[in-house]
Amino acid sequence: MITRLRFIMAGLALTLGLSLFSPSAFAADAVIDAAKVAGEVGERPDGYLGLVESNVAPAVRRRVDEINARRRSLYERLAREKNVTVEQVGFLTGEKQIAGTPAGQYYMSTSGSWIRK
């Protein structure tokens, strides 16, 4: 069982690695990029964007919601294809997104605290 899960997760990691470069869920977004640099938005361990600051502009909040919806859709598709949970896909992606977060930007720890990288 553990070996099967590792095999599935390895395949999922490869699929995610290849798909993270093209879908609009991860495409560059000027509003989000600026909000990340400003410390208003960061990556969460569950694979979604989060608001570091509660008082962000409505446009930023809207973009976070839109991108998270696209990410959720992608995670659901990948989960169906690999026969794993949406949460597993999200957490694997979260690890990759946090690892790629540039210095000075924020990410959320697994305990829920925002950390500046």
N, C-alpha and C. Protein backbone atom coordinates (compact mmCIF):
# COMPACT_ATOMS: atom_id res chain seq x y z
N MET A 1 0.83 -1.20 0.00
CA MET A 1 0.00 0.00 0.00
C MET A 1 0.87 1.26 0.00
N ILE A 2 1.89 1.28 0.87
CA ILE A 2 2.77 2.44 0.94
C ILE A 2 3.55 2.59 -0.36
N THR A 3 4.00 1.48 -0.92
CA THR A 3 4.73 1.52 -2.18
C THR A 3 3.84 2.06 -3.28
N ARG A 4 2.58 1.62 -3.33
CA ARG A 4 1.64 2.11 -4.34
C ARG A 4 1.43 3.62 -4.18
N LEU A 5 1.26 4.09 -2.96
CA LEU A 5 1.07 5.51 -2.72
C LEU A 5 2.29 6.30 -3.15
N ARG A 6 3.47 5.80 -2.86
CA ARG A 6 4.70 6.49 -3.29
C ARG A 6 4.78 6.54 -4.81
N PHE A 7 4.40 5.46 -5.48
CA PHE A 7 4.41 5.42 -6.94
C PHE A 7 3.43 6.44 -7.50
N ILE A 8 2.24 6.49 -6.93
CA ILE A 8 1.23 7.45 -7.38
C ILE A 8 1.73 8.87 -7.15
N MET A 9 2.30 9.14 -5.97
CA MET A 9 2.77 10.48 -5.66
C MET A 9 3.95 10.88 -6.57
N ALA A 10 4.80 9.92 -6.92
CA ALA A 10 5.91 10.22 -7.84
C ALA A 10 5.36 10.59 -9.20
N GLY A 11 4.37 9.85 -9.68
CA GLY A 11 3.73 10.19 -10.96
C GLY A 11 3.04 11.52 -10.90
N LEU A 12 2.40 11.79 -9.78
CA LEU A 12 1.72 13.07 -9.59
C LEU A 12 2.73 14.21 -9.57
N ALA A 13 3.85 14.01 -8.91
CA ALA A 13 4.88 15.04 -8.86
C ALA A 13 5.39 15.35 -10.26
N LEU A 14 5.58 14.32 -11.07
CA LEU A 14 6.03 14.53 -12.44
C LEU A 14 4.98 15.28 -13.23
N THR A 15 3.72 14.87 -13.11
CA THR A 15 2.64 15.54 -13.81
C THR A 15 2.54 16.99 -13.39
N LEU A 16 2.60 17.24 -12.08
CA LEU A 16 2.53 18.61 -11.58
C LEU A 16 3.71 19.42 -12.07
N GLY A 17 4.87 18.82 -12.03
CA GLY A 17 6.07 19.52 -12.48
C GLY A 17 5.94 19.97 -13.92
N LEU A 18 5.37 19.13 -14.75
CA LEU A 18 5.19 19.48 -16.16
C LEU A 18 4.05 20.47 -16.35
N SER A 19 2.98 20.32 -15.57
CA SER A 19 1.81 21.15 -15.79
C SER A 19 1.90 22.52 -15.12
N LEU A 20 2.78 22.68 -14.17
CA LEU A 20 2.88 23.97 -13.48
C LEU A 20 3.40 25.07 -14.39
N PHE A 21 4.05 24.69 -15.48
CA PHE A 21 4.62 25.69 -16.35
C PHE A 21 3.62 26.29 -17.32
N SER A 22 2.49 25.64 -17.56
CA SER A 22 1.59 26.12 -18.59
C SER A 22 0.23 26.61 -18.14
N PRO A 23 -0.44 26.03 -17.13
CA PRO A 23 -1.81 26.44 -16.88
C PRO A 23 -1.92 27.86 -16.35
N SER A 24 -3.05 28.47 -16.66
CA SER A 24 -3.28 29.85 -16.22
C SER A 24 -3.37 29.96 -14.71
N ALA A 25 -3.57 28.86 -14.02
CA ALA A 25 -3.62 28.89 -12.56
C ALA A 25 -2.29 29.32 -11.97
N PHE A 26 -1.21 29.19 -12.76
CA PHE A 26 0.11 29.54 -12.26
C PHE A 26 0.80 30.57 -13.14
N ALA A 27 0.07 31.13 -14.08
CA ALA A 27 0.65 32.13 -14.98
C ALA A 27 0.96 33.40 -14.21
N ALA A 28 1.92 34.14 -14.70
CA ALA A 28 2.28 35.41 -14.07
C ALA A 28 1.07 36.35 -14.07
N ASP A 29 0.90 37.06 -13.01
CA ASP A 29 -0.21 37.99 -12.86
C ASP A 29 0.34 39.24 -12.21
N ALA A 30 0.27 40.36 -12.90
CA ALA A 30 0.87 41.60 -12.42
C ALA A 30 0.31 42.03 -11.06
N VAL A 31 -0.99 41.88 -10.86
CA VAL A 31 -1.61 42.29 -9.59
C VAL A 31 -1.08 41.43 -8.45
N ILE A 32 -1.04 40.11 -8.67
CA ILE A 32 -0.58 39.20 -7.62
C ILE A 32 0.92 39.35 -7.40
N ASP A 33 1.67 39.48 -8.48
CA ASP A 33 3.12 39.66 -8.33
C ASP A 33 3.43 40.89 -7.49
N ALA A 34 2.74 41.99 -7.76
CA ALA A 34 2.95 43.23 -6.98
C ALA A 34 2.53 43.03 -5.53
N ALA A 35 1.43 42.32 -5.33
CA ALA A 35 0.94 42.08 -3.96
C ALA A 35 1.91 41.18 -3.18
N LYS A 36 2.53 40.23 -3.87
CA LYS A 36 3.52 39.37 -3.21
C LYS A 36 4.74 40.20 -2.80
N VAL A 37 5.21 41.04 -3.71
CA VAL A 37 6.38 41.89 -3.41
C VAL A 37 6.06 42.84 -2.25
N ALA A 38 4.81 43.32 -2.19
CA ALA A 38 4.39 44.24 -1.13
C ALA A 38 4.10 43.53 0.19
N GLY A 39 4.16 42.19 0.19
CA GLY A 39 3.91 41.45 1.42
C GLY A 39 2.44 41.29 1.76
N GLU A 40 1.57 41.44 0.77
CA GLU A 40 0.12 41.32 1.00
C GLU A 40 -0.40 39.91 0.72
N VAL A 41 0.27 39.19 -0.16
CA VAL A 41 -0.17 37.87 -0.58
C VAL A 41 1.00 36.91 -0.50
N GLY A 42 0.72 35.66 -0.14
CA GLY A 42 1.77 34.65 -0.08
C GLY A 42 1.23 33.28 -0.45
N GLU A 43 2.12 32.33 -0.56
CA GLU A 43 1.76 30.95 -0.88
C GLU A 43 1.46 30.19 0.40
N ARG A 44 0.43 29.37 0.36
CA ARG A 44 0.05 28.54 1.50
C ARG A 44 0.49 27.10 1.26
N PRO A 45 0.67 26.33 2.32
CA PRO A 45 1.12 24.94 2.15
C PRO A 45 0.09 24.04 1.48
N ASP A 46 -1.16 24.48 1.41
CA ASP A 46 -2.19 23.67 0.77
C ASP A 46 -2.28 23.92 -0.74
N GLY A 47 -1.35 24.74 -1.27
CA GLY A 47 -1.30 24.97 -2.70
C GLY A 47 -2.11 26.15 -3.19
N TYR A 48 -2.63 26.94 -2.28
CA TYR A 48 -3.42 28.11 -2.65
C TYR A 48 -2.72 29.38 -2.21
N LEU A 49 -3.15 30.50 -2.77
CA LEU A 49 -2.66 31.81 -2.34
C LEU A 49 -3.41 32.21 -1.07
N GLY A 50 -2.76 32.98 -0.23
CA GLY A 50 -3.40 33.49 0.97
C GLY A 50 -3.12 34.97 1.13
N LEU A 51 -3.97 35.63 1.88
CA LEU A 51 -3.80 37.05 2.17
C LEU A 51 -2.98 37.19 3.45
N VAL A 52 -1.80 37.75 3.32
CA VAL A 52 -0.93 37.99 4.48
C VAL A 52 -1.51 39.14 5.28
N GLU A 53 -1.99 40.14 4.58
CA GLU A 53 -2.61 41.32 5.18
C GLU A 53 -4.12 41.26 4.96
N SER A 54 -4.90 41.62 5.93
CA SER A 54 -6.36 41.57 5.78
C SER A 54 -6.92 42.79 5.03
N ASN A 55 -6.16 43.87 5.02
CA ASN A 55 -6.67 45.10 4.41
C ASN A 55 -6.09 45.32 3.01
N VAL A 56 -6.24 44.33 2.14
CA VAL A 56 -5.73 44.47 0.78
C VAL A 56 -6.81 45.09 -0.11
N ALA A 57 -6.40 45.62 -1.22
CA ALA A 57 -7.33 46.22 -2.17
C ALA A 57 -8.30 45.16 -2.69
N PRO A 58 -9.54 45.55 -2.97
CA PRO A 58 -10.51 44.59 -3.50
C PRO A 58 -10.04 43.88 -4.77
N ALA A 59 -9.28 44.56 -5.60
CA ALA A 59 -8.77 43.94 -6.83
C ALA A 59 -7.82 42.79 -6.51
N VAL A 60 -7.02 42.95 -5.46
CA VAL A 60 -6.10 41.89 -5.05
C VAL A 60 -6.89 40.71 -4.52
N ARG A 61 -7.84 40.97 -3.67
CA ARG A 61 -8.67 39.90 -3.09
C ARG A 61 -9.39 39.14 -4.21
N ARG A 62 -9.92 39.86 -5.18
CA ARG A 62 -10.61 39.25 -6.31
C ARG A 62 -9.67 38.33 -7.12
N ARG A 63 -8.47 38.82 -7.38
CA ARG A 63 -7.49 38.02 -8.14
C ARG A 63 -7.08 36.77 -7.37
N VAL A 64 -6.89 36.90 -6.06
CA VAL A 64 -6.55 35.73 -5.24
C VAL A 64 -7.66 34.69 -5.37
N ASP A 65 -8.91 35.13 -5.25
CA ASP A 65 -10.04 34.20 -5.36
C ASP A 65 -10.10 33.54 -6.73
N GLU A 66 -9.86 34.33 -7.80
CA GLU A 66 -9.90 33.79 -9.16
C GLU A 66 -8.79 32.76 -9.38
N ILE A 67 -7.59 33.10 -8.95
CA ILE A 67 -6.46 32.18 -9.13
C ILE A 67 -6.67 30.92 -8.30
N ASN A 68 -7.15 31.06 -7.08
CA ASN A 68 -7.39 29.89 -6.25
C ASN A 68 -8.46 28.98 -6.86
N ALA A 69 -9.46 29.57 -7.50
CA ALA A 69 -10.49 28.76 -8.17
C ALA A 69 -9.89 27.99 -9.34
N ARG A 70 -9.00 28.63 -10.09
CA ARG A 70 -8.34 27.93 -11.20
C ARG A 70 -7.42 26.84 -10.69
N ARG A 71 -6.71 27.13 -9.60
CA ARG A 71 -5.85 26.10 -9.01
C ARG A 71 -6.70 24.91 -8.56
N ARG A 72 -7.80 25.18 -7.89
CA ARG A 72 -8.68 24.11 -7.41
C ARG A 72 -9.14 23.24 -8.58
N SER A 73 -9.52 23.87 -9.67
CA SER A 73 -9.95 23.13 -10.86
C SER A 73 -8.83 22.24 -11.38
N LEU A 74 -7.62 22.76 -11.43
CA LEU A 74 -6.47 21.98 -11.88
C LEU A 74 -6.20 20.83 -10.92
N TYR A 75 -6.25 21.09 -9.62
CA TYR A 75 -6.00 20.04 -8.63
C TYR A 75 -7.04 18.93 -8.75
N GLU A 76 -8.30 19.31 -8.98
CA GLU A 76 -9.36 18.31 -9.13
C GLU A 76 -9.11 17.42 -10.34
N ARG A 77 -8.71 18.04 -11.45
CA ARG A 77 -8.43 17.26 -12.66
C ARG A 77 -7.27 16.30 -12.43
N LEU A 78 -6.18 16.81 -11.84
CA LEU A 78 -5.01 15.96 -11.59
C LEU A 78 -5.33 14.84 -10.59
N ALA A 79 -6.14 15.16 -9.59
CA ALA A 79 -6.51 14.15 -8.59
C ALA A 79 -7.30 13.02 -9.25
N ARG A 80 -8.22 13.37 -10.14
CA ARG A 80 -8.98 12.34 -10.85
C ARG A 80 -8.06 11.48 -11.71
N GLU A 81 -7.15 12.14 -12.43
CA GLU A 81 -6.24 11.42 -13.33
C GLU A 81 -5.33 10.46 -12.57
N LYS A 82 -4.88 10.87 -11.38
CA LYS A 82 -3.91 10.07 -10.61
C LYS A 82 -4.54 9.26 -9.49
N ASN A 83 -5.87 9.38 -9.35
CA ASN A 83 -6.58 8.64 -8.31
C ASN A 83 -6.03 8.93 -6.91
N VAL A 84 -5.86 10.21 -6.63
CA VAL A 84 -5.45 10.68 -5.30
C VAL A 84 -6.43 11.77 -4.90
N THR A 85 -6.25 12.31 -3.70
CA THR A 85 -7.17 13.35 -3.25
C THR A 85 -6.73 14.73 -3.76
N VAL A 86 -7.69 15.61 -3.83
CA VAL A 86 -7.41 17.00 -4.21
C VAL A 86 -6.43 17.61 -3.20
N GLU A 87 -6.57 17.25 -1.93
CA GLU A 87 -5.69 17.78 -0.90
C GLU A 87 -4.25 17.34 -1.11
N GLN A 88 -4.07 16.09 -1.52
CA GLN A 88 -2.71 15.61 -1.79
C GLN A 88 -2.07 16.40 -2.92
N VAL A 89 -2.83 16.65 -3.96
CA VAL A 89 -2.32 17.45 -5.07
C VAL A 89 -1.97 18.85 -4.59
N GLY A 90 -2.87 19.45 -3.81
CA GLY A 90 -2.65 20.80 -3.31
C GLY A 90 -1.41 20.90 -2.44
N PHE A 91 -1.24 19.96 -1.53
CA PHE A 91 -0.08 20.02 -0.64
C PHE A 91 1.23 19.79 -1.39
N LEU A 92 1.22 18.91 -2.37
CA LEU A 92 2.42 18.70 -3.16
C LEU A 92 2.76 19.98 -3.94
N THR A 93 1.75 20.60 -4.49
CA THR A 93 1.96 21.85 -5.22
C THR A 93 2.41 22.95 -4.26
N GLY A 94 1.80 23.01 -3.08
CA GLY A 94 2.20 24.00 -2.08
C GLY A 94 3.67 23.91 -1.75
N GLU A 95 4.17 22.69 -1.59
CA GLU A 95 5.60 22.50 -1.32
C GLU A 95 6.44 23.10 -2.43
N LYS A 96 6.04 22.84 -3.68
CA LYS A 96 6.79 23.35 -4.83
C LYS A 96 6.71 24.88 -4.91
N GLN A 97 5.53 25.42 -4.68
CA GLN A 97 5.35 26.87 -4.76
C GLN A 97 6.15 27.58 -3.65
N ILE A 98 6.12 27.03 -2.46
CA ILE A 98 6.87 27.63 -1.35
C ILE A 98 8.37 27.53 -1.60
N ALA A 99 8.81 26.38 -2.11
CA ALA A 99 10.24 26.23 -2.41
C ALA A 99 10.69 27.26 -3.44
N GLY A 100 9.81 27.62 -4.36
CA GLY A 100 10.16 28.59 -5.39
C GLY A 100 9.87 30.03 -5.02
N THR A 101 9.39 30.27 -3.81
CA THR A 101 9.11 31.64 -3.38
C THR A 101 10.41 32.42 -3.24
N PRO A 102 10.51 33.58 -3.90
CA PRO A 102 11.74 34.37 -3.82
C PRO A 102 11.97 34.94 -2.41
N ALA A 103 13.21 35.20 -2.11
CA ALA A 103 13.57 35.84 -0.84
C ALA A 103 12.81 37.16 -0.71
N GLY A 104 12.34 37.42 0.50
CA GLY A 104 11.62 38.66 0.78
C GLY A 104 10.11 38.52 0.67
N GLN A 105 9.64 37.44 0.05
CA GLN A 105 8.19 37.23 -0.06
C GLN A 105 7.72 36.27 1.03
N TYR A 106 6.41 36.22 1.22
CA TYR A 106 5.83 35.44 2.31
C TYR A 106 5.29 34.09 1.87
N TYR A 107 5.37 33.15 2.81
CA TYR A 107 4.69 31.86 2.67
C TYR A 107 4.16 31.49 4.05
N MET A 108 3.16 30.63 4.06
CA MET A 108 2.56 30.21 5.32
C MET A 108 3.18 28.89 5.75
N SER A 109 3.55 28.81 7.01
CA SER A 109 4.07 27.56 7.56
C SER A 109 2.91 26.60 7.77
N THR A 110 3.23 25.34 8.03
CA THR A 110 2.17 24.36 8.28
C THR A 110 1.42 24.64 9.57
N SER A 111 2.00 25.47 10.44
CA SER A 111 1.31 25.84 11.68
C SER A 111 0.39 27.05 11.48
N GLY A 112 0.42 27.64 10.26
CA GLY A 112 -0.48 28.75 9.96
C GLY A 112 0.13 30.13 10.12
N SER A 113 1.41 30.21 10.43
CA SER A 113 2.09 31.51 10.58
C SER A 113 2.69 31.95 9.26
N TRP A 114 2.60 33.24 8.98
CA TRP A 114 3.25 33.78 7.77
C TRP A 114 4.72 34.03 8.06
N ILE A 115 5.56 33.61 7.14
CA ILE A 115 7.02 33.74 7.28
C ILE A 115 7.58 34.44 6.06
N ARG A 116 8.44 35.42 6.29
CA ARG A 116 9.13 36.09 5.17
C ARG A 116 10.36 35.25 4.85
N LYS A 117 10.46 34.86 3.60
CA LYS A 117 11.58 34.00 3.17
C LYS A 117 12.86 34.80 3.05
